[in-house]
C-alpha atoms as a PDB file:
ATOM      1  CA  LEU A   1      81.613   2.519  39.573  1.00  0.00           C
ATOM      2  CA  ASP A   2      82.038   3.286  43.225  1.00  0.00           C
ATOM      3  CA  GLU A   3      79.033   4.821  44.196  1.00  0.00           C
ATOM      4  CA  LEU A   4      77.240   1.748  42.866  1.00  0.00           C
ATOM      5  CA  GLN A   5      74.479  -0.325  44.850  1.00  0.00           C
ATOM      6  CA  GLU A   6      75.988  -2.252  47.271  1.00  0.00           C
ATOM      7  CA  GLU A   7      73.820  -5.428  45.792  1.00  0.00           C
ATOM      8  CA  LEU A   8      75.141  -4.204  42.070  1.00  0.00           C
ATOM      9  CA  LYS A   9      79.400  -4.408  43.042  1.00  0.00           C
ATOM     10  CA  TYR A  10      79.219  -8.515  42.409  1.00  0.00           C
ATOM     11  CA  GLU A  11      78.241  -7.801  38.732  1.00  0.00           C
ATOM     12  CA  PRO A  12      81.053  -7.724  35.892  1.00  0.00           C
ATOM     13  CA  LYS A  13      81.678  -4.020  33.993  1.00  0.00           C
ATOM     14  CA  ILE A  14      80.951  -5.007  30.857  1.00  0.00           C
ATOM     15  CA  ALA A  15      77.295  -5.787  32.524  1.00  0.00           C
ATOM     16  CA  LEU A  16      77.325  -2.280  33.808  1.00  0.00           C
ATOM     17  CA  THR A  17      78.789  -0.114  31.240  1.00  0.00           C
ATOM     18  CA  ALA A  18      77.227   0.842  27.979  1.00  0.00           C
ATOM     19  CA  GLY A  19      79.944   1.346  25.976  1.00  0.00           C
ATOM     20  CA  LYS A  20      80.206   3.317  22.672  1.00  0.00           C
ATOM     21  CA  ASP A  21      76.983   1.488  21.521  1.00  0.00           C
ATOM     22  CA  PRO A  22      74.120   0.861  24.230  1.00  0.00           C
ATOM     23  CA  ILE A  23      72.314  -1.491  22.817  1.00  0.00           C
ATOM     24  CA  ALA A  24      74.767  -3.761  21.010  1.00  0.00           C
ATOM     25  CA  PHE A  25      74.270  -6.383  23.227  1.00  0.00           C
ATOM     26  CA  TYR A  26      71.019  -6.568  21.907  1.00  0.00           C
ATOM     27  CA  LYS A  27      71.870  -6.135  18.432  1.00  0.00           C
ATOM     28  CA  ARG A  28      73.277  -9.833  19.176  1.00  0.00           C
ATOM     29  CA  PHE A  29      69.990 -11.183  20.092  1.00  0.00           C
ATOM     30  CA  LEU A  30      68.422 -10.217  16.477  1.00  0.00           C
ATOM     31  CA  LYS A  31      70.164 -13.067  14.607  1.00  0.00           C
ATOM     32  CA  PHE A  32      68.567 -15.437  17.155  1.00  0.00           C
ATOM     33  CA  VAL A  33      65.136 -14.811  16.521  1.00  0.00           C
ATOM     34  CA  ASP A  34      64.941 -16.714  13.441  1.00  0.00           C
ATOM     35  CA  TYR A  35      65.556 -19.470  15.637  1.00  0.00           C
ATOM     36  CA  LEU A  36      62.110 -19.039  17.476  1.00  0.00           C
ATOM     37  CA  GLU A  37      59.727 -21.044  16.745  1.00  0.00           C
ATOM     38  CA  GLU A  38      56.287 -19.986  15.787  1.00  0.00           C
ATOM     39  CA  LYS A  39      54.707 -17.737  18.785  1.00  0.00           C
ATOM     40  CA  GLY A  40      58.073 -18.620  20.292  1.00  0.00           C
ATOM     41  CA  LYS A  41      59.049 -15.698  23.242  1.00  0.00           C
ATOM     42  CA  MET A  42      62.421 -14.088  24.101  1.00  0.00           C
ATOM     43  CA  PHE A  43      62.797 -12.562  27.453  1.00  0.00           C
ATOM     44  CA  LEU A  44      65.555  -9.839  27.827  1.00  0.00           C
ATOM     45  CA  GLU A  45      66.275  -7.435  30.710  1.00  0.00           C
ATOM     46  CA  ILE A  46      66.445  -3.824  29.775  1.00  0.00           C
ATOM     47  CA  ASN A  47      67.710  -0.913  30.927  1.00  0.00           C
ATOM     48  CA  GLU A  48      65.012   2.064  31.081  1.00  0.00           C
ATOM     49  CA  LYS A  49      67.068   4.592  29.319  1.00  0.00           C
ATOM     50  CA  ASN A  50      67.636   2.400  26.228  1.00  0.00           C
ATOM     51  CA  SER A  51      63.787   1.001  26.349  1.00  0.00           C
ATOM     52  CA  LYS A  52      62.613   2.580  22.550  1.00  0.00           C
ATOM     53  CA  ASP A  53      66.060   1.918  21.003  1.00  0.00           C
ATOM     54  CA  VAL A  54      65.806  -2.006  21.811  1.00  0.00           C
ATOM     55  CA  THR A  55      61.880  -1.913  21.446  1.00  0.00           C
ATOM     56  CA  ASN A  56      62.713  -0.535  18.040  1.00  0.00           C
ATOM     57  CA  LEU A  57      65.773  -2.885  17.699  1.00  0.00           C
ATOM     58  CA  PHE A  58      63.299  -5.685  17.056  1.00  0.00           C
ATOM     59  CA  SER A  59      59.667  -3.949  15.963  1.00  0.00           C
ATOM     60  CA  GLY A  60      59.942  -5.982  12.941  1.00  0.00           C
ATOM     61  CA  LEU A  61      57.869  -8.845  15.204  1.00  0.00           C
ATOM     62  CA  SER A  62      54.548  -9.820  15.895  1.00  0.00           C
ATOM     63  CA  ILE A  63      54.679  -8.901  19.574  1.00  0.00           C
ATOM     64  CA  VAL A  64      57.166  -6.556  21.238  1.00  0.00           C
ATOM     65  CA  LYS A  65      56.237  -5.437  24.696  1.00  0.00           C
ATOM     66  CA  ILE A  66      57.791  -3.938  27.583  1.00  0.00           C
ATOM     67  CA  GLN A  67      57.175  -5.079  31.353  1.00  0.00           C
ATOM     68  CA  LYS A  68      57.724  -2.382  34.154  1.00  0.00           C
ATOM     69  CA  ASP A  69      59.737  -3.387  37.576  1.00  0.00           C
ATOM     70  CA  PHE A  70      58.127  -2.785  41.152  1.00  0.00           C
ATOM     71  CA  SER A  71      59.905   0.716  40.379  1.00  0.00           C
ATOM     72  CA  SER A  72      57.340   1.280  37.506  1.00  0.00           C
ATOM     73  CA  LEU A  73      60.534   1.379  35.728  1.00  0.00           C
ATOM     74  CA  ASP A  74      60.708  -0.663  31.912  1.00  0.00           C
ATOM     75  CA  ARG A  75      62.999  -3.240  32.374  1.00  0.00           C
ATOM     76  CA  PHE A  76      61.766  -6.425  30.738  1.00  0.00           C
ATOM     77  CA  LEU A  77      61.091  -6.702  26.663  1.00  0.00           C
ATOM     78  CA  LEU A  78      58.878  -9.410  25.525  1.00  0.00           C
ATOM     79  CA  ILE A  79      59.636 -10.592  21.850  1.00  0.00           C
ATOM     80  CA  GLN A  80      57.167 -12.864  20.057  1.00  0.00           C
ATOM     81  CA  LYS A  81      58.021 -14.213  16.653  1.00  0.00           C
END
């Protein structure tokens, strides 16, 4: 983590490391999908390296869309019930 960009050094280590399961954080959100109202939306910031796995995790929902950031990397996941 010493080679991080200066603007990321304030982030807690847990926010920057994936651990054994790189999509474990997103699996926690699955239980909250039931609380969304019909056509309710959830936005998640994602890592471009895990975008397909995270998208597959939420694939049972009506809309799962990935939005790119200004560097054209997969960055945001839109989930709609």
